[in-house]
Amino acid sequence: MTMAMKALTTAFLKWQQDQLKLEALGKPSTWQMCRRKLKVLNQNKLIVFADDNFGIFPSHEVFMLANVPVRDTEKGLNITRDQVYAKYTELLVNKRS
């Protein structure tokens, strides 16, 4: 068990040094790729508060439900306001059942 922990620690430290070398050379490291991926996953989301409740939703769905006109949203995403509304009202009905 101790040998396995030492091997894992050594492997991690070597990987960490390699990442620092890549950053120093100006090349993309896996840390940067991971940060970029996380940023892409979390962009275009809004936090909506209603009384004591909150939810995190894609911004296009919030705009569609609030009847805010966004050019070509329905056509570009191939989804209508009624479909978005049904998506969340079905969740609410199923939750109460």
N, C-alpha and C. Protein backbone atom coordinates (compact mmCIF):
# COMPACT_ATOMS: atom_id res chain seq x y z
N MET A 1 0.82 -1.19 0.00
CA MET A 1 0.00 0.00 0.00
C MET A 1 0.87 1.27 0.00
N THR A 2 1.90 1.24 0.82
CA THR A 2 2.79 2.39 0.90
C THR A 2 3.50 2.62 -0.42
N MET A 3 3.92 1.55 -1.07
CA MET A 3 4.61 1.67 -2.35
C MET A 3 3.67 2.26 -3.41
N ALA A 4 2.42 1.85 -3.37
CA ALA A 4 1.44 2.37 -4.34
C ALA A 4 1.24 3.87 -4.13
N MET A 5 1.16 4.31 -2.89
CA MET A 5 1.00 5.73 -2.59
C MET A 5 2.22 6.53 -3.05
N LYS A 6 3.40 5.98 -2.82
CA LYS A 6 4.62 6.66 -3.26
C LYS A 6 4.67 6.76 -4.78
N ALA A 7 4.25 5.68 -5.46
CA ALA A 7 4.24 5.69 -6.93
C ALA A 7 3.25 6.71 -7.46
N LEU A 8 2.06 6.77 -6.87
CA LEU A 8 1.06 7.75 -7.29
C LEU A 8 1.54 9.18 -7.05
N THR A 9 2.13 9.41 -5.90
CA THR A 9 2.65 10.74 -5.58
C THR A 9 3.76 11.15 -6.54
N THR A 10 4.66 10.23 -6.83
CA THR A 10 5.75 10.51 -7.76
C THR A 10 5.21 10.81 -9.16
N ALA A 11 4.25 10.01 -9.61
CA ALA A 11 3.66 10.23 -10.93
C ALA A 11 2.97 11.59 -11.00
N PHE A 12 2.25 11.96 -9.94
CA PHE A 12 1.57 13.26 -9.93
C PHE A 12 2.58 14.40 -9.95
N LEU A 13 3.62 14.31 -9.16
CA LEU A 13 4.63 15.38 -9.12
C LEU A 13 5.34 15.53 -10.46
N LYS A 14 5.60 14.41 -11.14
CA LYS A 14 6.22 14.48 -12.46
C LYS A 14 5.26 15.14 -13.46
N TRP A 15 4.00 14.75 -13.41
CA TRP A 15 2.99 15.36 -14.28
C TRP A 15 2.89 16.86 -14.01
N GLN A 16 2.89 17.24 -12.74
CA GLN A 16 2.79 18.65 -12.36
C GLN A 16 4.00 19.44 -12.88
N GLN A 17 5.18 18.89 -12.79
CA GLN A 17 6.38 19.55 -13.32
C GLN A 17 6.28 19.71 -14.84
N ASP A 18 5.79 18.67 -15.52
CA ASP A 18 5.62 18.75 -16.97
C ASP A 18 4.64 19.86 -17.36
N GLN A 19 3.58 20.01 -16.58
CA GLN A 19 2.59 21.05 -16.86
C GLN A 19 3.20 22.44 -16.67
N LEU A 20 3.99 22.60 -15.62
CA LEU A 20 4.64 23.88 -15.38
C LEU A 20 5.64 24.22 -16.49
N LYS A 21 6.33 23.21 -17.00
CA LYS A 21 7.26 23.42 -18.11
C LYS A 21 6.51 23.86 -19.36
N LEU A 22 5.38 23.22 -19.64
CA LEU A 22 4.56 23.60 -20.80
C LEU A 22 4.09 25.04 -20.69
N GLU A 23 3.63 25.42 -19.50
CA GLU A 23 3.16 26.80 -19.29
C GLU A 23 4.31 27.79 -19.46
N ALA A 24 5.49 27.43 -18.97
CA ALA A 24 6.64 28.32 -19.10
C ALA A 24 7.05 28.51 -20.56
N LEU A 25 6.85 27.48 -21.38
CA LEU A 25 7.17 27.57 -22.80
C LEU A 25 6.05 28.24 -23.61
N GLY A 26 4.94 28.52 -22.94
CA GLY A 26 3.83 29.17 -23.63
C GLY A 26 2.94 28.21 -24.40
N LYS A 27 3.10 26.93 -24.17
CA LYS A 27 2.26 25.92 -24.83
C LYS A 27 1.07 25.61 -23.93
N PRO A 28 -0.04 25.18 -24.54
CA PRO A 28 -1.21 24.87 -23.71
C PRO A 28 -0.98 23.63 -22.86
N SER A 29 -1.32 23.74 -21.60
CA SER A 29 -1.20 22.60 -20.68
C SER A 29 -2.58 22.01 -20.46
N THR A 30 -2.62 20.86 -19.84
CA THR A 30 -3.93 20.24 -19.58
C THR A 30 -4.72 21.05 -18.56
N TRP A 31 -4.04 21.81 -17.69
CA TRP A 31 -4.75 22.69 -16.78
C TRP A 31 -5.52 23.74 -17.56
N GLN A 32 -4.84 24.36 -18.52
CA GLN A 32 -5.50 25.39 -19.32
C GLN A 32 -6.65 24.79 -20.12
N MET A 33 -6.47 23.61 -20.67
CA MET A 33 -7.54 22.97 -21.43
C MET A 33 -8.73 22.66 -20.52
N CYS A 34 -8.43 22.23 -19.32
CA CYS A 34 -9.50 21.92 -18.36
C CYS A 34 -10.26 23.19 -17.98
N ARG A 35 -9.53 24.28 -17.74
CA ARG A 35 -10.17 25.56 -17.41
C ARG A 35 -11.03 26.05 -18.56
N ARG A 36 -10.50 25.92 -19.79
CA ARG A 36 -11.25 26.34 -20.97
C ARG A 36 -12.53 25.53 -21.13
N LYS A 37 -12.43 24.23 -20.91
CA LYS A 37 -13.59 23.35 -21.04
C LYS A 37 -14.65 23.71 -19.99
N LEU A 38 -14.21 23.97 -18.77
CA LEU A 38 -15.13 24.35 -17.70
C LEU A 38 -15.81 25.67 -18.02
N LYS A 39 -15.07 26.60 -18.58
CA LYS A 39 -15.64 27.90 -18.95
C LYS A 39 -16.70 27.74 -20.02
N VAL A 40 -16.44 26.89 -21.01
CA VAL A 40 -17.40 26.66 -22.08
C VAL A 40 -18.67 26.02 -21.52
N LEU A 41 -18.51 25.08 -20.60
CA LEU A 41 -19.67 24.41 -20.02
C LEU A 41 -20.54 25.36 -19.21
N ASN A 42 -19.94 26.35 -18.60
CA ASN A 42 -20.68 27.24 -17.71
C ASN A 42 -21.09 28.57 -18.34
N GLN A 43 -20.69 28.83 -19.57
CA GLN A 43 -21.08 30.10 -20.17
C GLN A 43 -22.52 30.03 -20.65
N ASN A 44 -23.11 31.17 -20.83
CA ASN A 44 -24.50 31.30 -21.30
C ASN A 44 -25.50 30.67 -20.34
N LYS A 45 -25.23 30.77 -19.05
CA LYS A 45 -26.18 30.29 -18.05
C LYS A 45 -26.53 31.44 -17.12
N LEU A 46 -27.77 31.41 -16.65
CA LEU A 46 -28.25 32.45 -15.73
C LEU A 46 -28.77 31.81 -14.46
N ILE A 47 -28.60 32.51 -13.36
CA ILE A 47 -29.19 32.07 -12.09
C ILE A 47 -30.48 32.86 -11.92
N VAL A 48 -31.58 32.14 -11.76
CA VAL A 48 -32.89 32.77 -11.61
C VAL A 48 -33.36 32.54 -10.18
N PHE A 49 -33.71 33.65 -9.50
CA PHE A 49 -34.20 33.57 -8.13
C PHE A 49 -35.70 33.85 -8.13
N ALA A 50 -36.46 33.02 -7.41
CA ALA A 50 -37.89 33.23 -7.23
C ALA A 50 -38.20 32.90 -5.77
N ASP A 51 -38.48 33.93 -4.99
CA ASP A 51 -38.68 33.79 -3.54
C ASP A 51 -37.45 33.14 -2.92
N ASP A 52 -37.63 32.00 -2.26
CA ASP A 52 -36.51 31.32 -1.61
C ASP A 52 -35.88 30.27 -2.51
N ASN A 53 -36.36 30.16 -3.72
CA ASN A 53 -35.87 29.15 -4.65
C ASN A 53 -34.98 29.78 -5.70
N PHE A 54 -34.12 28.96 -6.29
CA PHE A 54 -33.30 29.43 -7.39
C PHE A 54 -33.01 28.27 -8.32
N GLY A 55 -32.60 28.60 -9.53
CA GLY A 55 -32.24 27.58 -10.50
C GLY A 55 -31.23 28.15 -11.48
N ILE A 56 -30.44 27.28 -12.08
CA ILE A 56 -29.47 27.69 -13.09
C ILE A 56 -29.99 27.18 -14.43
N PHE A 57 -30.21 28.10 -15.36
CA PHE A 57 -30.82 27.76 -16.64
C PHE A 57 -29.99 28.30 -17.78
N PRO A 58 -30.06 27.64 -18.94
CA PRO A 58 -29.45 28.23 -20.14
C PRO A 58 -30.12 29.56 -20.46
N SER A 59 -29.33 30.55 -20.84
CA SER A 59 -29.87 31.90 -21.03
C SER A 59 -30.95 31.94 -22.11
N HIS A 60 -30.80 31.16 -23.19
CA HIS A 60 -31.80 31.22 -24.25
C HIS A 60 -33.17 30.75 -23.74
N GLU A 61 -33.20 29.79 -22.80
CA GLU A 61 -34.48 29.33 -22.27
C GLU A 61 -35.13 30.40 -21.41
N VAL A 62 -34.33 31.11 -20.62
CA VAL A 62 -34.88 32.19 -19.79
C VAL A 62 -35.46 33.28 -20.67
N PHE A 63 -34.73 33.66 -21.71
CA PHE A 63 -35.22 34.70 -22.61
C PHE A 63 -36.49 34.27 -23.33
N MET A 64 -36.54 33.01 -23.75
CA MET A 64 -37.73 32.52 -24.44
C MET A 64 -38.94 32.52 -23.51
N LEU A 65 -38.76 32.08 -22.28
CA LEU A 65 -39.87 32.02 -21.34
C LEU A 65 -40.33 33.42 -20.91
N ALA A 66 -39.42 34.39 -20.94
CA ALA A 66 -39.78 35.76 -20.57
C ALA A 66 -40.28 36.57 -21.77
N ASN A 67 -40.42 35.91 -22.91
CA ASN A 67 -40.87 36.56 -24.14
C ASN A 67 -39.95 37.70 -24.59
N VAL A 68 -38.68 37.54 -24.34
CA VAL A 68 -37.71 38.52 -24.83
C VAL A 68 -37.33 38.09 -26.24
N PRO A 69 -37.52 38.98 -27.22
CA PRO A 69 -37.20 38.58 -28.59
C PRO A 69 -35.69 38.46 -28.81
N VAL A 70 -35.27 37.28 -29.19
CA VAL A 70 -33.88 37.03 -29.53
C VAL A 70 -33.88 36.49 -30.96
N ARG A 71 -33.14 37.14 -31.80
CA ARG A 71 -33.17 36.84 -33.23
C ARG A 71 -32.78 35.38 -33.53
N ASP A 72 -33.62 34.70 -34.24
CA ASP A 72 -33.38 33.34 -34.75
C ASP A 72 -33.11 32.30 -33.66
N THR A 73 -33.55 32.54 -32.45
CA THR A 73 -33.31 31.57 -31.38
C THR A 73 -34.06 30.28 -31.64
N GLU A 74 -35.36 30.40 -31.92
CA GLU A 74 -36.15 29.19 -32.13
C GLU A 74 -35.67 28.41 -33.34
N LYS A 75 -35.36 29.12 -34.41
CA LYS A 75 -34.93 28.45 -35.63
C LYS A 75 -33.53 27.85 -35.46
N GLY A 76 -32.65 28.58 -34.84
CA GLY A 76 -31.27 28.11 -34.67
C GLY A 76 -31.16 26.93 -33.72
N LEU A 77 -31.97 26.91 -32.67
CA LEU A 77 -31.90 25.83 -31.70
C LEU A 77 -32.94 24.74 -31.94
N ASN A 78 -33.83 25.00 -32.89
CA ASN A 78 -34.90 24.05 -33.24
C ASN A 78 -35.75 23.69 -32.01
N ILE A 79 -36.14 24.72 -31.26
CA ILE A 79 -36.97 24.54 -30.08
C ILE A 79 -37.90 25.74 -29.96
N THR A 80 -39.10 25.51 -29.49
CA THR A 80 -40.07 26.60 -29.36
C THR A 80 -40.26 26.94 -27.88
N ARG A 81 -40.90 28.08 -27.67
CA ARG A 81 -41.18 28.52 -26.29
C ARG A 81 -42.07 27.49 -25.59
N ASP A 82 -43.04 26.95 -26.30
CA ASP A 82 -43.95 25.96 -25.70
C ASP A 82 -43.20 24.69 -25.27
N GLN A 83 -42.21 24.29 -26.05
CA GLN A 83 -41.42 23.11 -25.68
C GLN A 83 -40.60 23.36 -24.42
N VAL A 84 -40.04 24.55 -24.31
CA VAL A 84 -39.26 24.90 -23.11
C VAL A 84 -40.18 24.96 -21.90
N TYR A 85 -41.35 25.58 -22.08
CA TYR A 85 -42.31 25.68 -20.98
C TYR A 85 -42.76 24.29 -20.53
N ALA A 86 -43.05 23.42 -21.49
CA ALA A 86 -43.48 22.06 -21.17
C ALA A 86 -42.39 21.29 -20.44
N LYS A 87 -41.15 21.53 -20.82
CA LYS A 87 -40.02 20.84 -20.19
C LYS A 87 -40.00 21.09 -18.68
N TYR A 88 -40.21 22.33 -18.28
CA TYR A 88 -40.12 22.67 -16.86
C TYR A 88 -41.42 22.44 -16.12
N THR A 89 -42.57 22.55 -16.77
CA THR A 89 -43.82 22.27 -16.08
C THR A 89 -44.00 20.77 -15.88
N GLU A 90 -43.49 19.93 -16.80
CA GLU A 90 -43.54 18.48 -16.60
C GLU A 90 -42.70 18.08 -15.41
N LEU A 91 -41.54 18.72 -15.25
CA LEU A 91 -40.69 18.43 -14.09
C LEU A 91 -41.41 18.76 -12.79
N LEU A 92 -42.12 19.87 -12.79
CA LEU A 92 -42.84 20.30 -11.60
C LEU A 92 -43.99 19.37 -11.28
N VAL A 93 -44.73 18.94 -12.29
CA VAL A 93 -45.85 18.02 -12.08
C VAL A 93 -45.33 16.67 -11.59
N ASN A 94 -44.26 16.18 -12.19
CA ASN A 94 -43.70 14.89 -11.76
C ASN A 94 -43.15 14.95 -10.35
N LYS A 95 -42.60 16.10 -9.98
CA LYS A 95 -42.03 16.26 -8.64
C LYS A 95 -43.12 16.24 -7.58
N ARG A 96 -44.27 16.83 -7.89
CA ARG A 96 -45.37 16.88 -6.92
C ARG A 96 -46.10 15.55 -6.80
N SER A 97 -45.99 14.70 -7.81
CA SER A 97 -46.71 13.40 -7.79
C SER A 97 -46.10 12.41 -6.84
